N, C-alpha and C. Protein backbone atom coordinates (compact mmCIF):
# COMPACT_ATOMS: atom_id res chain seq x y z
N UNK A 1 88.31 4.92 82.88
CA UNK A 1 88.58 6.12 82.21
C UNK A 1 89.21 5.74 81.11
N UNK A 2 89.54 5.86 79.66
CA UNK A 2 90.23 5.89 79.32
C UNK A 2 91.24 6.56 78.84
N UNK A 3 92.38 6.44 78.99
CA UNK A 3 93.46 7.18 79.09
C UNK A 3 94.07 6.93 77.53
N UNK A 4 94.72 7.94 77.15
CA UNK A 4 95.26 7.65 76.11
C UNK A 4 96.02 9.15 77.08
N UNK A 5 103.88 7.34 67.17
CA UNK A 5 102.82 6.70 65.71
C UNK A 5 103.30 5.41 66.17
N UNK A 6 103.65 4.74 64.99
CA UNK A 6 104.83 4.00 65.29
C UNK A 6 105.81 3.91 63.93
N UNK A 7 105.86 3.00 63.71
CA UNK A 7 107.31 2.89 62.66
C UNK A 7 107.08 4.43 61.82
N UNK A 8 107.67 5.50 62.52
CA UNK A 8 107.48 6.49 62.10
C UNK A 8 108.04 6.87 60.75
N UNK A 9 109.29 6.33 60.23
CA UNK A 9 110.07 6.18 59.20
C UNK A 9 109.15 5.12 58.12
N UNK A 10 108.80 3.91 59.27
CA UNK A 10 107.96 3.09 57.63
C UNK A 10 106.77 3.71 57.39
N UNK A 11 105.80 4.71 58.37
CA UNK A 11 104.28 5.37 57.82
C UNK A 11 104.68 5.94 57.35
N UNK A 12 105.73 6.56 57.01
CA UNK A 12 106.22 7.80 56.44
C UNK A 12 105.26 9.81 57.50
N UNK A 13 105.94 9.41 58.62
CA UNK A 13 105.14 10.34 59.57
C UNK A 13 106.72 11.12 59.39
N UNK A 14 106.42 12.73 60.01
CA UNK A 14 107.68 13.09 59.78
C UNK A 14 108.55 12.68 61.47
N UNK A 15 109.70 12.38 61.07
CA UNK A 15 110.62 12.51 62.18
C UNK A 15 110.62 13.41 62.88
N UNK A 16 110.67 15.25 63.20
CA UNK A 16 110.66 15.97 63.57
C UNK A 16 110.95 15.70 65.04
N UNK A 17 111.77 16.59 65.85
CA UNK A 17 111.32 16.90 67.61
C UNK A 17 109.93 17.60 67.54
N UNK A 18 108.85 16.97 68.09
CA UNK A 18 108.01 17.83 68.48
C UNK A 18 107.45 17.84 70.04
N UNK A 19 107.33 19.22 70.36
CA UNK A 19 107.28 19.86 71.99
C UNK A 19 106.14 18.46 72.73
N UNK A 20 106.43 18.48 73.98
CA UNK A 20 105.81 17.64 74.59
C UNK A 20 105.56 18.00 75.74
N UNK A 21 104.01 17.83 76.00
CA UNK A 21 103.67 18.26 77.89
C UNK A 21 103.00 17.27 78.20
N UNK A 22 103.17 17.08 79.85
CA UNK A 22 102.08 15.90 80.42
C UNK A 22 101.14 16.40 80.84
N UNK A 23 99.76 16.22 80.71
CA UNK A 23 98.61 16.52 80.59
C UNK A 23 97.28 15.53 81.38
N UNK A 24 97.26 15.84 82.42
CA UNK A 24 95.89 14.84 82.56
C UNK A 24 94.72 14.76 81.70
N UNK A 25 93.35 14.37 82.20
CA UNK A 25 91.94 14.08 81.67
C UNK A 25 92.17 15.71 81.70
N UNK A 26 91.06 15.78 80.40
CA UNK A 26 90.75 17.18 79.79
C UNK A 26 89.57 17.16 78.77
N UNK A 27 89.09 18.07 78.07
CA UNK A 27 88.09 18.14 77.94
C UNK A 27 88.53 18.01 76.05
N UNK A 28 87.93 17.17 75.40
CA UNK A 28 88.26 18.05 73.67
C UNK A 28 87.77 18.99 73.95
N UNK A 29 86.65 19.73 73.97
CA UNK A 29 86.03 20.89 73.25
C UNK A 29 85.32 20.44 71.88
N UNK A 30 84.35 21.35 71.78
CA UNK A 30 83.38 21.48 70.39
C UNK A 30 84.05 22.53 69.54
N UNK A 31 83.81 22.04 68.41
CA UNK A 31 84.27 22.82 67.36
C UNK A 31 83.09 24.41 67.45
N UNK A 32 84.59 25.64 66.98
CA UNK A 32 83.47 26.80 66.30
C UNK A 32 82.90 26.25 65.07
N UNK A 33 82.69 27.89 64.55
CA UNK A 33 81.66 27.52 63.33
C UNK A 33 83.17 27.98 62.35
N UNK A 34 84.31 27.92 62.82
CA UNK A 34 85.54 28.40 61.49
C UNK A 34 85.58 27.37 60.32
N UNK A 35 85.90 28.31 59.49
CA UNK A 35 86.14 26.82 58.00
C UNK A 35 87.03 25.89 58.44
N UNK A 36 88.36 26.66 58.92
CA UNK A 36 89.40 25.71 59.31
C UNK A 36 89.16 24.93 60.09
N UNK A 37 89.29 23.23 59.39
CA UNK A 37 88.73 22.19 60.23
C UNK A 37 90.20 21.89 61.07
N UNK A 38 90.96 22.59 60.77
CA UNK A 38 92.41 21.89 62.04
C UNK A 38 92.36 22.71 63.15
N UNK A 39 91.39 23.76 63.34
CA UNK A 39 91.45 24.16 64.57
C UNK A 39 91.54 23.94 65.66
N UNK A 40 91.58 22.80 66.39
CA UNK A 40 91.16 22.51 67.48
C UNK A 40 92.66 21.97 67.26
N UNK A 41 93.61 21.62 66.42
CA UNK A 41 94.49 21.09 66.46
C UNK A 41 95.69 21.60 67.66
N UNK A 42 96.46 21.05 68.42
CA UNK A 42 97.82 22.00 68.69
C UNK A 42 98.50 21.87 67.93
N UNK A 43 99.43 22.70 68.08
CA UNK A 43 100.51 22.89 66.99
C UNK A 43 102.12 22.01 67.62
N UNK A 44 102.14 21.67 68.55
CA UNK A 44 103.06 20.61 69.20
C UNK A 44 102.19 19.27 69.79
N UNK A 45 102.95 18.47 69.73
CA UNK A 45 102.18 17.07 70.26
C UNK A 45 102.60 17.01 71.86
N UNK A 46 101.84 16.65 72.66
CA UNK A 46 101.67 16.66 73.73
C UNK A 46 101.18 14.97 74.54
N UNK A 47 101.47 14.41 75.48
CA UNK A 47 101.10 13.24 76.38
C UNK A 47 99.69 13.54 76.88
N UNK A 48 98.58 12.67 76.74
CA UNK A 48 98.16 12.65 77.67
C UNK A 48 97.54 11.90 78.69
N UNK A 49 97.04 12.01 79.32
CA UNK A 49 97.00 10.91 80.60
C UNK A 49 95.26 10.24 80.65
N UNK A 50 94.94 10.75 79.72
CA UNK A 50 93.00 10.77 79.63
C UNK A 50 92.68 11.56 78.64
N UNK A 51 91.84 11.14 78.78
CA UNK A 51 90.65 12.56 77.45
C UNK A 51 88.80 12.16 78.20
N UNK A 52 88.80 13.29 77.87
CA UNK A 52 86.65 12.81 77.96
C UNK A 52 86.07 13.83 76.82
N UNK A 53 84.47 13.30 77.08
CA UNK A 53 83.66 13.75 75.79
C UNK A 53 82.44 13.91 76.58
N UNK A 54 81.51 14.26 75.26
CA UNK A 54 80.08 14.19 75.69
C UNK A 54 79.24 13.28 75.91
N UNK A 55 80.19 12.47 75.25
CA UNK A 55 79.67 10.76 75.09
C UNK A 55 79.40 10.31 76.20
N UNK A 56 77.70 9.42 75.68
CA UNK A 56 76.85 8.89 76.96
C UNK A 56 76.80 7.10 76.68
N UNK A 57 76.94 6.50 77.52
CA UNK A 57 76.32 5.10 77.49
C UNK A 57 75.67 4.87 76.80
N UNK A 58 75.25 3.62 75.66
CA UNK A 58 73.93 3.50 74.93
C UNK A 58 73.52 1.93 75.21
N UNK A 59 74.76 1.11 74.90
CA UNK A 59 74.14 -0.17 74.91
C UNK A 59 75.35 -0.86 75.35
N UNK A 60 75.47 -1.93 76.36
CA UNK A 60 76.29 -2.60 76.84
C UNK A 60 77.18 -3.33 75.66
N UNK A 61 78.31 -3.52 75.94
CA UNK A 61 79.22 -4.26 75.17
C UNK A 61 79.17 -6.00 75.64
N UNK A 62 79.72 -6.38 74.87
CA UNK A 62 80.16 -7.82 75.36
C UNK A 62 81.67 -7.72 76.07
N UNK A 63 81.94 -9.01 76.90
CA UNK A 63 83.15 -8.72 77.51
C UNK A 63 83.95 -9.57 76.81
N UNK A 64 83.79 -10.24 76.34
CA UNK A 64 84.57 -11.39 75.26
C UNK A 64 85.74 -10.74 74.09
N UNK A 65 86.81 -11.38 74.19
CA UNK A 65 88.22 -10.82 73.63
C UNK A 65 87.55 -10.52 71.83
N UNK A 66 88.01 -9.44 71.35
CA UNK A 66 87.63 -9.78 69.84
C UNK A 66 89.21 -10.07 69.28
N UNK A 67 88.60 -10.79 68.00
CA UNK A 67 90.35 -10.66 67.31
C UNK A 67 90.13 -9.49 66.50
N UNK A 68 91.60 -9.09 65.84
CA UNK A 68 91.89 -8.37 64.82
C UNK A 68 91.20 -8.46 63.93
N UNK A 69 90.36 -7.11 63.94
CA UNK A 69 89.31 -6.88 62.35
C UNK A 69 87.80 -7.27 62.75
N UNK A 70 87.41 -7.97 64.22
CA UNK A 70 86.75 -8.61 64.05
C UNK A 70 85.71 -7.25 64.81
N UNK A 71 84.25 -6.83 64.16
CA UNK A 71 83.51 -5.95 64.82
C UNK A 71 82.37 -5.75 65.91
N UNK A 72 82.47 -4.94 66.68
CA UNK A 72 81.63 -4.83 67.55
C UNK A 72 80.80 -3.43 67.05
N UNK A 73 79.47 -3.04 67.45
CA UNK A 73 78.63 -2.08 67.07
C UNK A 73 77.92 -1.44 68.77
N UNK A 74 77.83 0.12 68.45
CA UNK A 74 77.12 0.88 69.55
C UNK A 74 76.84 2.26 68.78
N UNK A 75 76.04 2.67 69.04
CA UNK A 75 75.22 3.97 68.87
C UNK A 75 76.29 5.27 69.62
N UNK A 76 76.84 6.46 69.60
CA UNK A 76 77.53 6.88 70.44
C UNK A 76 77.08 8.31 69.65
N UNK A 77 76.96 9.19 70.70
CA UNK A 77 76.09 10.44 70.73
C UNK A 77 78.28 11.04 70.22
N UNK A 78 77.90 12.37 69.45
CA UNK A 78 78.98 13.11 68.82
C UNK A 78 78.67 14.61 69.28
N UNK A 79 79.78 14.89 69.50
CA UNK A 79 79.96 16.62 70.25
C UNK A 79 79.19 17.51 69.40
N UNK A 80 78.61 17.20 67.84
CA UNK A 80 77.91 17.93 67.50
C UNK A 80 76.21 17.75 67.55
N UNK A 81 76.38 16.53 68.93
CA UNK A 81 74.54 16.33 69.41
C UNK A 81 74.25 15.28 68.54
N UNK A 82 74.89 14.84 67.40
CA UNK A 82 74.03 13.84 66.69
C UNK A 82 74.07 12.50 67.54
N UNK A 83 73.97 11.28 67.10
CA UNK A 83 73.95 10.02 67.47
C UNK A 83 73.73 8.61 66.93
N UNK A 84 74.84 8.60 65.72
CA UNK A 84 74.72 7.78 64.79
C UNK A 84 75.01 6.54 65.35
N UNK A 85 74.70 5.15 64.68
CA UNK A 85 75.36 3.65 65.13
C UNK A 85 76.25 3.74 64.30
N UNK A 86 77.21 3.06 64.93
CA UNK A 86 78.60 2.41 64.22
C UNK A 86 79.49 1.12 64.15
N UNK A 87 79.52 1.17 63.44
CA UNK A 87 80.31 -0.80 63.55
C UNK A 87 82.00 -0.27 63.72
N UNK A 88 82.70 -0.78 64.70
CA UNK A 88 83.96 -0.43 65.40
C UNK A 88 84.46 -1.77 65.14
N UNK A 89 86.17 -1.76 64.51
CA UNK A 89 86.70 -3.09 64.44
C UNK A 89 88.25 -2.31 64.62
N UNK A 90 88.84 -2.81 65.19
CA UNK A 90 90.60 -2.09 65.44
C UNK A 90 91.53 -3.54 64.49
N UNK A 91 91.87 -3.07 63.39
CA UNK A 91 92.59 -3.61 62.37
C UNK A 91 94.31 -3.99 62.84
N UNK A 92 94.75 -2.88 63.46
CA UNK A 92 96.14 -3.43 63.36
C UNK A 92 96.65 -2.80 64.23
N UNK A 93 97.86 -3.16 65.16
CA UNK A 93 98.84 -2.42 65.62
C UNK A 93 100.33 -2.13 65.21
N UNK A 94 100.85 -1.05 65.24
CA UNK A 94 101.99 -0.84 64.74
C UNK A 94 102.90 -0.39 66.47
N UNK A 95 104.34 -1.18 66.02
CA UNK A 95 104.95 -1.30 67.21
C UNK A 95 106.23 -0.58 66.67
N UNK A 96 106.86 0.56 67.17
CA UNK A 96 108.16 1.24 66.70
C UNK A 96 109.54 1.19 67.46
N UNK A 97 110.51 2.08 67.40
CA UNK A 97 111.29 1.40 67.90
C UNK A 97 111.35 2.92 69.37
N UNK A 98 112.22 2.95 70.12
CA UNK A 98 112.77 3.61 71.45
C UNK A 98 113.24 4.52 70.57
N UNK A 99 114.10 4.50 69.80
CA UNK A 99 114.52 6.29 68.90
C UNK A 99 113.48 6.79 68.23
N UNK A 100 112.58 6.27 67.64
CA UNK A 100 111.43 6.73 67.33
C UNK A 100 110.74 7.43 68.19
N UNK A 101 110.15 6.78 69.20
CA UNK A 101 109.44 7.37 70.55
C UNK A 101 109.91 9.02 70.90
N UNK A 102 111.41 8.84 71.11
CA UNK A 102 112.37 10.09 71.53
C UNK A 102 112.13 10.88 70.40
N UNK A 103 112.00 10.70 69.17
CA UNK A 103 111.63 11.52 67.91
C UNK A 103 110.14 12.47 67.93
N UNK A 104 109.34 11.80 69.14
CA UNK A 104 108.21 12.07 68.83
C UNK A 104 107.68 13.64 70.45
N UNK A 105 108.96 13.54 71.10
CA UNK A 105 108.79 13.97 72.31
C UNK A 105 110.65 14.90 72.38
N UNK A 106 109.74 15.71 73.04
CA UNK A 106 111.15 17.27 73.20
C UNK A 106 112.12 16.83 74.16
N UNK A 107 111.57 15.81 75.55
CA UNK A 107 112.42 15.31 76.77
C UNK A 107 112.67 14.31 76.33
N UNK A 108 113.93 13.83 75.91
CA UNK A 108 114.40 12.39 75.88
C UNK A 108 114.16 11.22 77.02
N UNK A 109 113.89 12.11 78.22
CA UNK A 109 113.53 11.68 79.43
C UNK A 109 112.16 11.19 78.99
N UNK A 110 111.46 11.23 78.43
CA UNK A 110 109.88 11.17 78.49
C UNK A 110 109.61 9.74 77.60
N UNK A 111 110.49 9.50 77.13
CA UNK A 111 110.36 8.21 76.15
C UNK A 111 111.77 7.11 76.60
N UNK A 112 112.08 7.21 78.07
CA UNK A 112 112.99 6.21 78.29
C UNK A 112 111.82 5.34 78.97
N UNK A 113 112.22 3.70 78.41
CA UNK A 113 111.97 2.54 77.83
C UNK A 113 110.95 2.42 77.30
N UNK A 114 110.60 3.36 76.47
CA UNK A 114 109.17 3.14 75.76
C UNK A 114 109.59 3.26 73.97
N UNK A 115 108.36 2.80 73.64
CA UNK A 115 108.32 2.72 72.00
C UNK A 115 106.91 3.55 71.65
N UNK A 116 107.00 3.86 70.35
CA UNK A 116 105.44 4.38 69.46
C UNK A 116 104.55 3.18 69.38
N UNK A 117 103.48 3.24 69.89
CA UNK A 117 102.18 2.46 69.14
C UNK A 117 100.99 2.94 68.61
N UNK A 118 100.85 2.91 66.84
CA UNK A 118 100.00 3.22 66.29
C UNK A 118 98.76 2.37 66.40
N UNK A 119 97.46 2.70 66.82
CA UNK A 119 96.05 2.10 66.84
C UNK A 119 95.23 2.36 65.67
N UNK A 120 95.41 1.46 64.54
CA UNK A 120 94.28 1.71 63.79
C UNK A 120 93.12 1.10 64.08
N UNK A 121 92.05 1.88 63.93
CA UNK A 121 90.67 1.27 63.58
C UNK A 121 89.60 2.00 62.89
N UNK A 122 88.70 0.87 62.37
CA UNK A 122 88.07 1.06 61.53
C UNK A 122 86.91 1.35 62.05
N UNK A 123 85.88 2.48 61.74
CA UNK A 123 84.54 2.91 61.84
C UNK A 123 83.58 2.56 60.81
N UNK A 124 82.49 2.33 60.93
CA UNK A 124 81.65 1.98 59.77
C UNK A 124 80.21 2.70 60.35
N UNK A 125 80.03 3.72 59.48
CA UNK A 125 78.37 5.00 59.88
C UNK A 125 77.47 3.35 59.60
N UNK A 126 76.85 3.10 60.09
CA UNK A 126 75.83 2.21 59.94
C UNK A 126 74.29 2.32 59.80
N UNK A 127 73.95 3.23 60.58
CA UNK A 127 72.66 4.22 61.11
C UNK A 127 72.50 5.02 61.56
N UNK A 128 71.40 5.92 61.23
CA UNK A 128 71.42 7.41 62.18
C UNK A 128 71.65 8.18 61.32
N UNK A 129 71.32 9.35 62.03
CA UNK A 129 71.54 10.85 61.42
C UNK A 129 73.15 10.87 61.35
N UNK A 130 73.46 11.61 60.12
CA UNK A 130 74.92 12.18 59.39
C UNK A 130 75.62 12.89 60.11
N UNK A 131 76.66 12.60 60.34
CA UNK A 131 77.63 13.45 61.13
C UNK A 131 78.01 14.68 60.21
N UNK A 132 77.47 15.80 60.63
CA UNK A 132 78.54 16.75 59.58
C UNK A 132 79.91 17.70 59.62
N UNK A 133 80.09 17.30 60.66
CA UNK A 133 81.61 17.29 60.62
C UNK A 133 82.55 17.42 62.14
N UNK A 134 83.82 16.94 62.49
CA UNK A 134 84.27 17.05 63.65
C UNK A 134 84.06 15.57 64.09
N UNK A 135 84.30 14.24 63.77
CA UNK A 135 83.35 13.17 64.12
C UNK A 135 84.42 12.78 65.42
N UNK A 136 83.89 12.39 67.10
CA UNK A 136 84.94 12.03 67.60
C UNK A 136 85.14 10.48 68.67
N UNK A 137 84.42 10.29 67.65
CA UNK A 137 83.96 8.19 67.89
C UNK A 137 85.78 7.87 68.05
N UNK A 138 86.59 8.19 67.31
CA UNK A 138 87.98 8.22 66.81
C UNK A 138 88.71 8.07 68.05
N UNK A 139 88.30 8.92 68.93
CA UNK A 139 89.45 9.80 70.05
C UNK A 139 89.36 8.54 71.45
N UNK A 140 88.21 7.59 71.31
CA UNK A 140 87.83 6.12 72.07
C UNK A 140 88.82 4.97 72.27
N UNK A 141 89.65 5.20 71.10
CA UNK A 141 90.38 3.95 71.36
C UNK A 141 91.85 3.99 72.01
N UNK A 142 91.98 3.05 72.66
CA UNK A 142 93.20 3.48 73.27
C UNK A 142 94.31 1.34 73.34
N UNK A 143 94.69 1.63 73.97
CA UNK A 143 95.81 0.51 73.85
C UNK A 143 95.99 -0.31 75.45
N UNK A 144 96.42 -1.24 75.96
CA UNK A 144 96.58 -2.09 76.71
C UNK A 144 97.97 -2.28 76.73
N UNK A 145 99.34 -2.28 76.98
CA UNK A 145 100.79 -3.23 76.87
C UNK A 145 100.74 -4.32 78.29
N UNK A 146 100.94 -5.35 78.07
CA UNK A 146 100.98 -5.63 79.41
C UNK A 146 100.15 -5.67 80.34
N UNK A 147 98.83 -4.95 80.40
CA UNK A 147 98.11 -4.37 81.35
C UNK A 147 98.12 -3.07 81.56
N UNK A 148 99.09 -2.30 81.01
CA UNK A 148 99.25 -1.05 81.38
C UNK A 148 98.81 -0.77 80.04
N UNK A 149 97.98 0.84 80.72
CA UNK A 149 97.45 2.06 79.26
C UNK A 149 98.77 2.49 78.74
N UNK A 150 98.80 2.77 77.36
CA UNK A 150 99.62 3.72 76.61
C UNK A 150 99.04 4.89 77.62
N UNK A 151 100.31 5.76 76.95
CA UNK A 151 99.84 7.47 77.32
C UNK A 151 100.00 8.01 76.15
N UNK A 152 99.01 8.73 75.68
CA UNK A 152 98.66 9.01 74.29
C UNK A 152 99.41 10.38 73.97
N UNK A 153 99.75 10.22 72.66
CA UNK A 153 100.70 11.70 72.11
C UNK A 153 99.44 12.21 71.05
N UNK A 154 99.10 13.62 71.61
CA UNK A 154 98.16 14.46 70.72
C UNK A 154 99.44 15.60 70.22
N UNK A 155 98.63 15.38 68.89
CA UNK A 155 98.88 16.73 68.81
C UNK A 155 99.91 17.01 67.24
N UNK A 156 100.11 15.19 66.69
CA UNK A 156 101.36 14.92 65.48
C UNK A 156 100.21 15.38 64.10
N UNK A 157 100.71 16.44 63.65
CA UNK A 157 100.64 16.79 62.47
C UNK A 157 100.38 16.32 61.65
N UNK A 158 100.50 15.08 61.90
CA UNK A 158 100.64 14.45 60.15
C UNK A 158 100.02 12.68 60.65
N UNK A 159 98.93 12.65 60.08
CA UNK A 159 98.45 11.08 60.27
C UNK A 159 99.14 9.90 59.44
N UNK A 160 99.19 8.91 60.46
CA UNK A 160 100.21 7.84 59.60
C UNK A 160 99.23 7.72 58.29
N UNK A 161 99.74 6.58 57.19
CA UNK A 161 99.70 6.29 55.97
C UNK A 161 98.48 5.15 56.46
N UNK A 162 97.55 5.35 55.61
CA UNK A 162 96.15 4.16 55.79
C UNK A 162 94.93 5.24 56.75
N UNK A 163 95.48 6.65 57.47
CA UNK A 163 94.68 6.93 58.25
C UNK A 163 94.15 8.04 58.12
N UNK A 164 92.60 8.09 57.78
CA UNK A 164 92.34 9.57 57.53
C UNK A 164 91.94 10.62 58.78
N UNK A 165 92.14 11.93 58.66
CA UNK A 165 91.78 12.91 59.63
C UNK A 165 90.49 13.30 60.12
N UNK A 166 90.15 13.30 61.34
CA UNK A 166 89.20 13.11 61.83
C UNK A 166 88.15 14.39 61.13
N UNK A 167 89.36 15.39 61.40
CA UNK A 167 88.98 17.07 61.18
C UNK A 167 88.55 17.37 59.76
N UNK A 168 88.72 16.27 58.79
CA UNK A 168 88.76 16.69 57.56
C UNK A 168 87.46 15.81 56.96
N UNK A 169 86.98 15.12 57.91
CA UNK A 169 85.46 14.28 57.35
C UNK A 169 84.17 15.16 57.36
N UNK A 170 83.64 15.06 56.30
CA UNK A 170 82.34 15.91 56.54
C UNK A 170 81.34 15.10 56.01
N UNK A 171 80.16 15.44 56.58
CA UNK A 171 78.84 14.88 56.15
C UNK A 171 79.19 12.99 55.88
N UNK A 172 79.28 12.52 57.34
CA UNK A 172 79.57 10.70 57.45
C UNK A 172 78.13 10.39 57.08
N UNK A 173 77.98 9.65 56.36
CA UNK A 173 76.55 8.88 56.41
C UNK A 173 76.79 7.18 56.48
N UNK A 174 75.38 6.99 56.26
CA UNK A 174 75.62 5.23 55.77
C UNK A 174 76.24 4.60 54.83
N UNK A 175 77.08 3.95 55.56
CA UNK A 175 77.86 2.60 54.65
C UNK A 175 79.18 3.79 54.36
N UNK A 176 79.72 4.44 54.67
CA UNK A 176 80.43 5.39 54.58
C UNK A 176 81.70 4.70 56.22
N UNK A 177 82.70 4.13 55.76
CA UNK A 177 83.93 3.99 56.70
C UNK A 177 85.13 4.77 56.51
N UNK A 178 86.10 4.72 57.71
CA UNK A 178 86.89 5.65 57.52
C UNK A 178 87.62 4.68 58.91
N UNK A 179 89.55 4.68 58.37
CA UNK A 179 90.27 4.23 59.43
C UNK A 179 90.51 5.31 60.19
N UNK A 180 90.64 5.31 61.57
CA UNK A 180 91.15 6.52 62.03
C UNK A 180 92.07 5.70 63.11
N UNK A 181 93.22 6.65 63.31
CA UNK A 181 94.47 6.37 64.19
C UNK A 181 95.02 7.13 65.65
N UNK A 182 95.33 6.51 66.50
CA UNK A 182 96.08 6.96 67.96
C UNK A 182 97.31 6.84 68.09
N UNK A 183 98.25 6.80 68.37
CA UNK A 183 99.14 6.94 68.80
C UNK A 183 99.71 7.08 70.17
N UNK A 184 100.17 5.63 70.60
CA UNK A 184 100.76 5.87 72.20
C UNK A 184 102.09 5.59 72.75
N UNK A 185 102.72 5.67 73.58
CA UNK A 185 103.77 5.53 74.09
C UNK A 185 103.80 4.08 75.21
N UNK A 186 104.31 3.43 75.02
CA UNK A 186 103.87 1.80 75.83
C UNK A 186 105.55 1.10 76.02
N UNK A 187 105.30 0.72 77.40
CA UNK A 187 106.82 -0.14 77.37
C UNK A 187 107.41 -0.61 76.26
N UNK A 188 108.77 -0.93 75.96
CA UNK A 188 109.60 -1.49 74.89
C UNK A 188 109.03 -3.25 75.40
N UNK A 189 109.49 -3.57 73.84
CA UNK A 189 109.10 -5.61 74.28
C UNK A 189 107.44 -5.63 74.81
N UNK A 190 106.44 -5.05 74.18
CA UNK A 190 104.99 -4.97 74.67
C UNK A 190 104.83 -6.14 74.54
N UNK A 191 104.00 -7.08 75.94
CA UNK A 191 103.14 -8.02 75.81
C UNK A 191 101.65 -7.99 76.05
N UNK A 192 101.22 -9.11 76.17
CA UNK A 192 99.72 -8.67 75.99
C UNK A 192 99.18 -7.80 75.21
N UNK A 193 98.70 -7.54 74.28
CA UNK A 193 98.77 -6.24 73.53
C UNK A 193 97.06 -6.37 73.29
N UNK A 194 96.84 -5.32 74.08
CA UNK A 194 94.95 -4.85 73.57
C UNK A 194 94.75 -3.94 73.06
N UNK A 195 93.78 -3.96 72.16
CA UNK A 195 93.18 -2.33 71.87
C UNK A 195 91.82 -2.59 72.34
N UNK A 196 91.67 -1.08 73.20
CA UNK A 196 90.28 -1.27 73.67
C UNK A 196 88.89 0.21 73.09
N UNK A 197 88.15 -0.02 72.76
CA UNK A 197 87.07 1.32 72.39
C UNK A 197 85.99 1.31 73.64
N UNK A 198 86.12 2.70 74.08
CA UNK A 198 85.35 2.69 75.25
C UNK A 198 85.06 4.26 75.65
N UNK A 199 83.26 4.31 75.61
CA UNK A 199 82.86 5.71 75.73
C UNK A 199 82.69 5.52 76.76
N UNK A 200 82.60 7.26 77.38
CA UNK A 200 82.70 7.48 78.91
C UNK A 200 80.82 6.71 79.33
N UNK A 201 81.62 5.85 80.57
CA UNK A 201 80.13 5.43 81.29
C UNK A 201 79.71 3.84 80.55
N UNK A 202 80.70 3.55 79.15
CA UNK A 202 80.54 2.70 78.75
C UNK A 202 81.10 1.24 78.94
N UNK A 203 80.63 0.33 78.83
CA UNK A 203 81.69 -0.67 78.81
C UNK A 203 82.29 -1.29 77.10
N UNK A 204 83.83 -1.64 77.65
CA UNK A 204 84.85 -1.64 76.79
C UNK A 204 84.53 -2.77 75.77
N UNK A 205 84.85 -2.44 74.44
CA UNK A 205 85.12 -3.76 73.07
C UNK A 205 86.31 -3.71 73.05
N UNK A 206 87.47 -4.83 73.53
CA UNK A 206 88.59 -5.29 73.41
C UNK A 206 88.99 -6.30 72.64
N UNK A 207 90.00 -5.80 71.88
CA UNK A 207 90.42 -6.46 70.77
C UNK A 207 91.83 -7.26 71.45
N UNK A 208 92.30 -8.72 71.04
CA UNK A 208 93.26 -8.91 71.62
C UNK A 208 94.18 -9.50 70.39
N UNK A 209 95.79 -8.39 70.58
CA UNK A 209 96.05 -8.65 69.20
C UNK A 209 97.35 -9.41 69.61
N UNK A 210 97.69 -10.11 71.08
CA UNK A 210 99.17 -10.51 71.39
C UNK A 210 98.86 -11.32 72.54
């Protein structure tokens, strides 16, 4: 099951120290009827060892490695119940410094030997029902550094430059694309960098970056 910023100064994200907690796999939860799209976000950052969702397996993915920017497609059931068909392409991974990793956590020990990695993935709604709000397809991107899964940082209040905020996306329809980003802590000087996208019960798409 997939677990889950980078050069924070370079991409314009705040460098304030954020509260951090270590968690295991947990549900994202569905949205309520509140008009506040930010409702589900935590007011502080924390690290997650994984995630769950109502996504179901749709069709198998190829096991071959994809190149950065190369796309793969799959239907995905959103938390709102709709199941559009998405084209998915990992674009880049920005690697930061250990000092920037420490700025993401409340306890410097949590960032020992770690650097932040921001994963940029572009999703295009190809066909199927319109996504009314709160798309969760972007939650399923992950990073592997030297074969080790990165630890996802959750609750960062500002998206990196060039990244959309999924909680502000409304009425996502055919031919519309958004780049959604996730931040992970990975070992310093990561080797064999891979980005994966895997729905629960599905086979992964994997992009090779180094």
